[in-house]
Amino acid sequence: MKDMGLSSDPNAMDVSEDVEGEPTKKHVVKALEDEASQPTRKTLRMSGDNVKFCVYMMEKYGEDYKAMAKDSKNYYQDTPAQIRQKIKTLKKIPEQWAQIRQKIKTLKKIPEQWNGYLRAKQMCEES
């Protein structure tokens, strides 16, 4: 190897000396591991637009997901299964679902800002 101009083996591993580190504080490590092993609470929330969409569809169509899929407010052209899943997800969120049920009971109709289409349709039919 020295005849070829190589003074050392390029494939050899660098061997470093063992350096003594600071002693680990076992109680700190244990506390951190215990904290990391605790399960985290899931905070499932739905965006305001999705909530409005689901409430509008439930108010207008009830459980008829095929009609929901054909509605003009279905901007993203969700399939009946996707709409069903959105509504099911909304019902799984206890805080939001309780608020929505309370609003539905007090309103007993679709809120004004959500039914512009229905008002326009009504005006066209009247004239």
C-alpha atoms as a PDB file:
ATOM      1  CA  MET A   1       0.000   0.000   0.000  1.00  0.00           C
ATOM      2  CA  LYS A   2       2.805   2.379   0.772  1.00  0.00           C
ATOM      3  CA  ASP A   3       4.223   1.723  -2.693  1.00  0.00           C
ATOM      4  CA  MET A   4       0.985   3.067  -4.204  1.00  0.00           C
ATOM      5  CA  GLY A   5       1.129   6.250  -2.149  1.00  0.00           C
ATOM      6  CA  LEU A   6      -1.497   5.299   0.414  1.00  0.00           C
ATOM      7  CA  SER A   7      -0.338   5.774   3.947  1.00  0.00           C
ATOM      8  CA  SER A   8      -3.394   4.306   5.658  1.00  0.00           C
ATOM      9  CA  ASP A   9      -6.334   2.050   4.920  1.00  0.00           C
ATOM     10  CA  PRO A  10      -9.281   4.216   3.777  1.00  0.00           C
ATOM     11  CA  ASN A  11     -11.777   1.522   4.804  1.00  0.00           C
ATOM     12  CA  ALA A  12     -10.567   1.276   8.361  1.00  0.00           C
ATOM     13  CA  MET A  13     -12.908   2.649  11.026  1.00  0.00           C
ATOM     14  CA  ASP A  14     -11.830   5.511  13.200  1.00  0.00           C
ATOM     15  CA  VAL A  15     -11.401   4.240  16.707  1.00  0.00           C
ATOM     16  CA  SER A  16     -12.031   6.915  19.273  1.00  0.00           C
ATOM     17  CA  GLU A  17     -11.175   6.641  22.883  1.00  0.00           C
ATOM     18  CA  ASP A  18     -14.026   6.238  25.337  1.00  0.00           C
ATOM     19  CA  VAL A  19     -14.716   9.596  26.872  1.00  0.00           C
ATOM     20  CA  GLU A  20     -16.252   9.606  30.293  1.00  0.00           C
ATOM     21  CA  GLY A  21     -19.508  11.561  30.188  1.00  0.00           C
ATOM     22  CA  GLU A  22     -21.440  13.168  32.963  1.00  0.00           C
ATOM     23  CA  PRO A  23     -23.329  10.700  35.128  1.00  0.00           C
ATOM     24  CA  THR A  24     -26.990  10.441  34.127  1.00  0.00           C
ATOM     25  CA  LYS A  25     -29.611  11.513  36.608  1.00  0.00           C
ATOM     26  CA  LYS A  26     -31.800   8.451  36.715  1.00  0.00           C
ATOM     27  CA  HIS A  27     -34.729  10.150  38.477  1.00  0.00           C
ATOM     28  CA  VAL A  28     -34.910  12.810  35.738  1.00  0.00           C
ATOM     29  CA  VAL A  29     -34.793  10.186  33.002  1.00  0.00           C
ATOM     30  CA  LYS A  30     -37.515   8.158  34.763  1.00  0.00           C
ATOM     31  CA  ALA A  31     -39.745  11.238  35.158  1.00  0.00           C
ATOM     32  CA  LEU A  32     -39.372  12.134  31.473  1.00  0.00           C
ATOM     33  CA  GLU A  33     -40.108   8.561  30.377  1.00  0.00           C
ATOM     34  CA  ASP A  34     -43.215   8.436  32.593  1.00  0.00           C
ATOM     35  CA  GLU A  35     -44.441  11.731  31.161  1.00  0.00           C
ATOM     36  CA  ALA A  36     -43.841  10.563  27.591  1.00  0.00           C
ATOM     37  CA  SER A  37     -45.674   7.277  28.171  1.00  0.00           C
ATOM     38  CA  GLN A  38     -48.889   9.017  29.301  1.00  0.00           C
ATOM     39  CA  PRO A  39     -51.611   8.912  26.640  1.00  0.00           C
ATOM     40  CA  THR A  40     -52.447  12.274  25.131  1.00  0.00           C
ATOM     41  CA  ARG A  41     -56.025  13.477  24.968  1.00  0.00           C
ATOM     42  CA  LYS A  42     -57.340  13.729  21.441  1.00  0.00           C
ATOM     43  CA  THR A  43     -58.869  17.062  20.596  1.00  0.00           C
ATOM     44  CA  LEU A  44     -61.012  16.362  17.579  1.00  0.00           C
ATOM     45  CA  ARG A  45     -62.516  19.466  16.047  1.00  0.00           C
ATOM     46  CA  MET A  46     -64.195  20.220  12.761  1.00  0.00           C
ATOM     47  CA  SER A  47     -63.800  23.420  10.796  1.00  0.00           C
ATOM     48  CA  GLY A  48     -66.614  25.929  10.850  1.00  0.00           C
ATOM     49  CA  ASP A  49     -67.310  25.507   7.151  1.00  0.00           C
ATOM     50  CA  ASN A  50     -67.675  21.733   7.473  1.00  0.00           C
ATOM     51  CA  VAL A  51     -69.974  22.163  10.472  1.00  0.00           C
ATOM     52  CA  LYS A  52     -72.164  24.623   8.552  1.00  0.00           C
ATOM     53  CA  PHE A  53     -72.246  22.260   5.580  1.00  0.00           C
ATOM     54  CA  CYS A  54     -73.264  19.270   7.706  1.00  0.00           C
ATOM     55  CA  VAL A  55     -75.923  21.191   9.626  1.00  0.00           C
ATOM     56  CA  TYR A  56     -77.358  22.640   6.425  1.00  0.00           C
ATOM     57  CA  MET A  57     -77.547  19.217   4.809  1.00  0.00           C
ATOM     58  CA  MET A  58     -79.081  17.556   7.879  1.00  0.00           C
ATOM     59  CA  GLU A  59     -81.677  20.321   8.195  1.00  0.00           C
ATOM     60  CA  LYS A  60     -82.619  20.181   4.533  1.00  0.00           C
ATOM     61  CA  TYR A  61     -82.437  16.437   3.776  1.00  0.00           C
ATOM     62  CA  GLY A  62     -82.373  14.576   7.094  1.00  0.00           C
ATOM     63  CA  GLU A  63     -80.698  11.233   6.368  1.00  0.00           C
ATOM     64  CA  ASP A  64     -81.008  11.259   2.555  1.00  0.00           C
ATOM     65  CA  TYR A  65     -77.312  11.249   1.610  1.00  0.00           C
ATOM     66  CA  LYS A  66     -77.939  10.795  -2.119  1.00  0.00           C
ATOM     67  CA  ALA A  67     -79.950  14.016  -2.218  1.00  0.00           C
ATOM     68  CA  MET A  68     -77.205  15.740  -0.214  1.00  0.00           C
ATOM     69  CA  ALA A  69     -74.656  14.716  -2.834  1.00  0.00           C
ATOM     70  CA  LYS A  70     -76.771  16.333  -5.572  1.00  0.00           C
ATOM     71  CA  ASP A  71     -77.293  19.610  -3.682  1.00  0.00           C
ATOM     72  CA  SER A  72     -75.791  22.768  -5.176  1.00  0.00           C
ATOM     73  CA  LYS A  73     -74.121  23.594  -1.836  1.00  0.00           C
ATOM     74  CA  ASN A  74     -71.996  20.451  -2.222  1.00  0.00           C
ATOM     75  CA  TYR A  75     -69.126  22.487  -3.662  1.00  0.00           C
ATOM     76  CA  TYR A  76     -66.502  19.747  -3.386  1.00  0.00           C
ATOM     77  CA  GLN A  77     -68.805  17.187  -5.022  1.00  0.00           C
ATOM     78  CA  ASP A  78     -68.592  14.813  -2.082  1.00  0.00           C
ATOM     79  CA  THR A  79     -70.109  11.392  -2.595  1.00  0.00           C
ATOM     80  CA  PRO A  80     -72.948  10.207  -0.331  1.00  0.00           C
ATOM     81  CA  ALA A  81     -70.449   8.078   1.603  1.00  0.00           C
ATOM     82  CA  GLN A  82     -68.131  11.055   2.147  1.00  0.00           C
ATOM     83  CA  ILE A  83     -71.012  13.203   3.382  1.00  0.00           C
ATOM     84  CA  ARG A  84     -72.159  10.398   5.695  1.00  0.00           C
ATOM     85  CA  GLN A  85     -68.620  10.171   7.085  1.00  0.00           C
ATOM     86  CA  LYS A  86     -68.465  13.950   7.680  1.00  0.00           C
ATOM     87  CA  ILE A  87     -71.752  13.868   9.566  1.00  0.00           C
ATOM     88  CA  LYS A  88     -70.660  10.814  11.545  1.00  0.00           C
ATOM     89  CA  THR A  89     -67.418  12.607  12.465  1.00  0.00           C
ATOM     90  CA  LEU A  90     -69.393  15.656  13.579  1.00  0.00           C
ATOM     91  CA  LYS A  91     -71.596  13.499  15.794  1.00  0.00           C
ATOM     92  CA  LYS A  92     -68.496  11.990  17.443  1.00  0.00           C
ATOM     93  CA  ILE A  93     -67.360  15.397  18.735  1.00  0.00           C
ATOM     94  CA  PRO A  94     -69.389  15.805  21.935  1.00  0.00           C
ATOM     95  CA  GLU A  95     -68.761  19.529  22.501  1.00  0.00           C
ATOM     96  CA  GLN A  96     -69.610  20.647  18.976  1.00  0.00           C
ATOM     97  CA  TRP A  97     -72.494  18.210  18.562  1.00  0.00           C
ATOM     98  CA  ALA A  98     -74.129  19.367  21.825  1.00  0.00           C
ATOM     99  CA  GLN A  99     -73.909  23.000  20.704  1.00  0.00           C
ATOM    100  CA  ILE A 100     -75.358  22.185  17.289  1.00  0.00           C
ATOM    101  CA  ARG A 101     -78.245  20.159  18.727  1.00  0.00           C
ATOM    102  CA  GLN A 102     -79.061  23.040  21.064  1.00  0.00           C
ATOM    103  CA  LYS A 103     -79.012  25.535  18.174  1.00  0.00           C
ATOM    104  CA  ILE A 104     -81.200  23.278  16.038  1.00  0.00           C
ATOM    105  CA  LYS A 105     -83.745  22.950  18.852  1.00  0.00           C
ATOM    106  CA  THR A 106     -83.930  26.709  19.373  1.00  0.00           C
ATOM    107  CA  LEU A 107     -83.934  27.690  15.686  1.00  0.00           C
ATOM    108  CA  LYS A 108     -86.212  24.994  14.244  1.00  0.00           C
ATOM    109  CA  LYS A 109     -85.221  26.179  10.768  1.00  0.00           C
ATOM    110  CA  ILE A 110     -82.117  26.686   8.674  1.00  0.00           C
ATOM    111  CA  PRO A 111     -80.261  29.851   9.791  1.00  0.00           C
ATOM    112  CA  GLU A 112     -80.585  32.842   7.456  1.00  0.00           C
ATOM    113  CA  GLN A 113     -76.957  32.895   6.327  1.00  0.00           C
ATOM    114  CA  TRP A 114     -77.161  29.258   5.207  1.00  0.00           C
ATOM    115  CA  ASN A 115     -80.326  29.341   3.160  1.00  0.00           C
ATOM    116  CA  GLY A 116     -79.730  32.027   0.546  1.00  0.00           C
ATOM    117  CA  TYR A 117     -80.296  29.450  -2.153  1.00  0.00           C
ATOM    118  CA  LEU A 118     -83.663  28.453  -0.716  1.00  0.00           C
ATOM    119  CA  ARG A 119     -84.813  32.078  -0.484  1.00  0.00           C
ATOM    120  CA  ALA A 120     -83.770  32.744  -4.099  1.00  0.00           C
ATOM    121  CA  LYS A 121     -85.558  29.603  -5.246  1.00  0.00           C
ATOM    122  CA  GLN A 122     -88.691  30.654  -3.372  1.00  0.00           C
ATOM    123  CA  MET A 123     -88.626  34.108  -4.982  1.00  0.00           C
ATOM    124  CA  CYS A 124     -88.292  32.570  -8.450  1.00  0.00           C
ATOM    125  CA  GLU A 125     -91.238  30.254  -7.833  1.00  0.00           C
ATOM    126  CA  GLU A 126     -93.436  33.099  -6.543  1.00  0.00           C
ATOM    127  CA  SER A 127     -92.893  35.334  -9.575  1.00  0.00           C
END
